[in-house]
Protein backbone atom coordinates (compact mmCIF):
# COMPACT_ATOMS: atom_id res chain seq x y z
CA MET A 1 -1.80 -15.34 -16.45
CA GLN A 2 -2.87 -16.66 -13.00
CA ARG A 3 -0.79 -14.01 -11.39
CA LEU A 4 -2.31 -11.20 -13.39
CA VAL A 5 -5.87 -12.30 -12.39
CA ILE A 6 -4.86 -12.50 -8.83
CA VAL A 7 -3.33 -9.05 -8.87
CA ILE A 8 -6.41 -7.68 -10.60
CA LEU A 9 -8.73 -9.21 -8.13
CA GLY A 10 -6.62 -8.03 -5.18
CA THR A 11 -6.65 -4.59 -6.53
CA ILE A 12 -10.44 -4.58 -6.98
CA VAL A 13 -10.81 -5.84 -3.38
CA ALA A 14 -8.47 -3.17 -2.17
CA VAL A 15 -10.33 -0.41 -3.97
CA LEU A 16 -13.68 -1.57 -2.62
CA PHE A 17 -12.31 -1.82 0.90
CA SER A 18 -11.01 1.64 0.56
CA LEU A 19 -14.39 3.00 -0.65
CA ALA A 20 -16.18 1.16 2.13
CA ASN A 21 -13.95 2.72 4.70
CA SER A 22 -13.77 6.24 3.37
CA HIS A 23 -15.95 7.85 6.13
CA HIS A 24 -14.37 10.16 8.69
CA VAL A 25 -13.75 9.19 12.26
CA ASN A 26 -12.53 11.10 15.39
CA VAL A 27 -9.17 9.81 16.72
CA SER A 28 -8.15 10.77 20.15
CA LEU A 29 -4.33 11.00 20.38
CA ILE A 30 -2.42 11.03 23.64
CA PHE A 31 -2.00 14.81 23.65
CA GLY A 32 -4.41 17.54 22.10
CA ALA A 33 -7.85 17.56 20.70
CA PRO A 34 -9.34 14.59 18.71
CA VAL A 35 -8.40 14.64 15.06
CA ARG A 36 -10.93 13.98 12.35
CA ILE A 37 -9.47 11.57 9.80
CA ARG A 38 -10.63 9.07 7.27
CA MET A 39 -11.09 5.48 8.54
CA ILE A 40 -8.95 4.02 5.70
CA PHE A 41 -5.88 6.15 6.93
CA VAL A 42 -6.37 4.82 10.43
CA ILE A 43 -6.42 1.29 9.23
CA GLY A 44 -3.43 1.93 6.86
CA GLY A 45 -1.51 3.53 9.82
CA ALA A 46 -2.20 0.65 12.06
CA TYR A 47 -1.04 -1.79 9.41
CA CYS A 48 2.15 0.09 8.78
CA LEU A 49 2.92 0.19 12.58
CA GLY A 50 2.30 -3.52 12.69
CA ILE A 51 4.82 -4.05 9.85
CA VAL A 52 7.44 -1.87 11.41
CA SER A 53 7.05 -3.48 14.85
CA THR A 54 7.28 -6.90 13.27
CA ILE A 55 10.49 -6.05 11.49
CA ILE A 56 12.08 -4.56 14.58
CA PHE A 57 11.04 -7.67 16.68
CA GLU A 58 12.40 -10.09 14.04
CA GLN A 59 15.69 -8.18 13.94
CA TRP A 60 15.96 -8.22 17.73
CA GLN A 61 15.29 -12.00 17.68
CA ARG A 62 18.03 -12.50 14.99
CA VAL A 63 20.59 -10.62 16.99
CA ARG A 64 19.65 -12.48 20.07
CA ARG A 65 19.90 -15.85 18.39
CA ARG A 66 23.24 -15.01 16.76
CA ARG A 67 24.58 -13.98 20.23
CA HIS A 68 23.48 -17.31 21.76
CA PHE A 69 25.00 -19.18 18.84
CA GLU A 70 28.27 -17.45 19.21
CA GLU A 71 28.28 -18.17 23.06
CA ALA A 72 27.48 -21.82 22.29
CA ARG A 73 30.34 -21.96 19.62
CA GLN A 74 32.77 -20.52 22.12
CA ALA A 75 31.79 -22.89 24.76
CA ALA A 76 32.04 -25.86 22.50
CA SER A 77 35.52 -24.77 21.21
CA ALA A 78 36.61 -24.24 24.81
CA ALA A 79 35.33 -27.72 25.73
CA GLU A 80 37.03 -29.15 22.71
CA GLU A 81 40.40 -27.53 23.67
CA GLY A 82 39.96 -28.77 27.17
CA HIS A 83 39.28 -32.23 25.79
CA ARG A 84 42.39 -32.19 23.73
CA ASP A 85 44.54 -31.22 26.74
CA ILE A 86 43.27 -34.18 28.66
CA ALA A 87 43.72 -36.56 25.86
CA ASP A 88 47.33 -35.35 25.19
CA VAL A 89 48.31 -36.29 28.89
């Protein structure tokens, strides 16, 4: 029941936010003439770009972390093998 109330309140806030930002604005892109677009689409586009850039950054960090982990594991196994050779002598 709490979840339903939260979803309904969130939807009401989102609709009010959309209505408050439904006016047109001029957006100047890198090339060409300024484009006239509703403010809510500008806000939504910026939000989506933020989500995409966050996902890309997290994936990059995950790959980087995995690479460092593999390098550390290889160094540890090499050190362990070297330790065994010394102990066997």
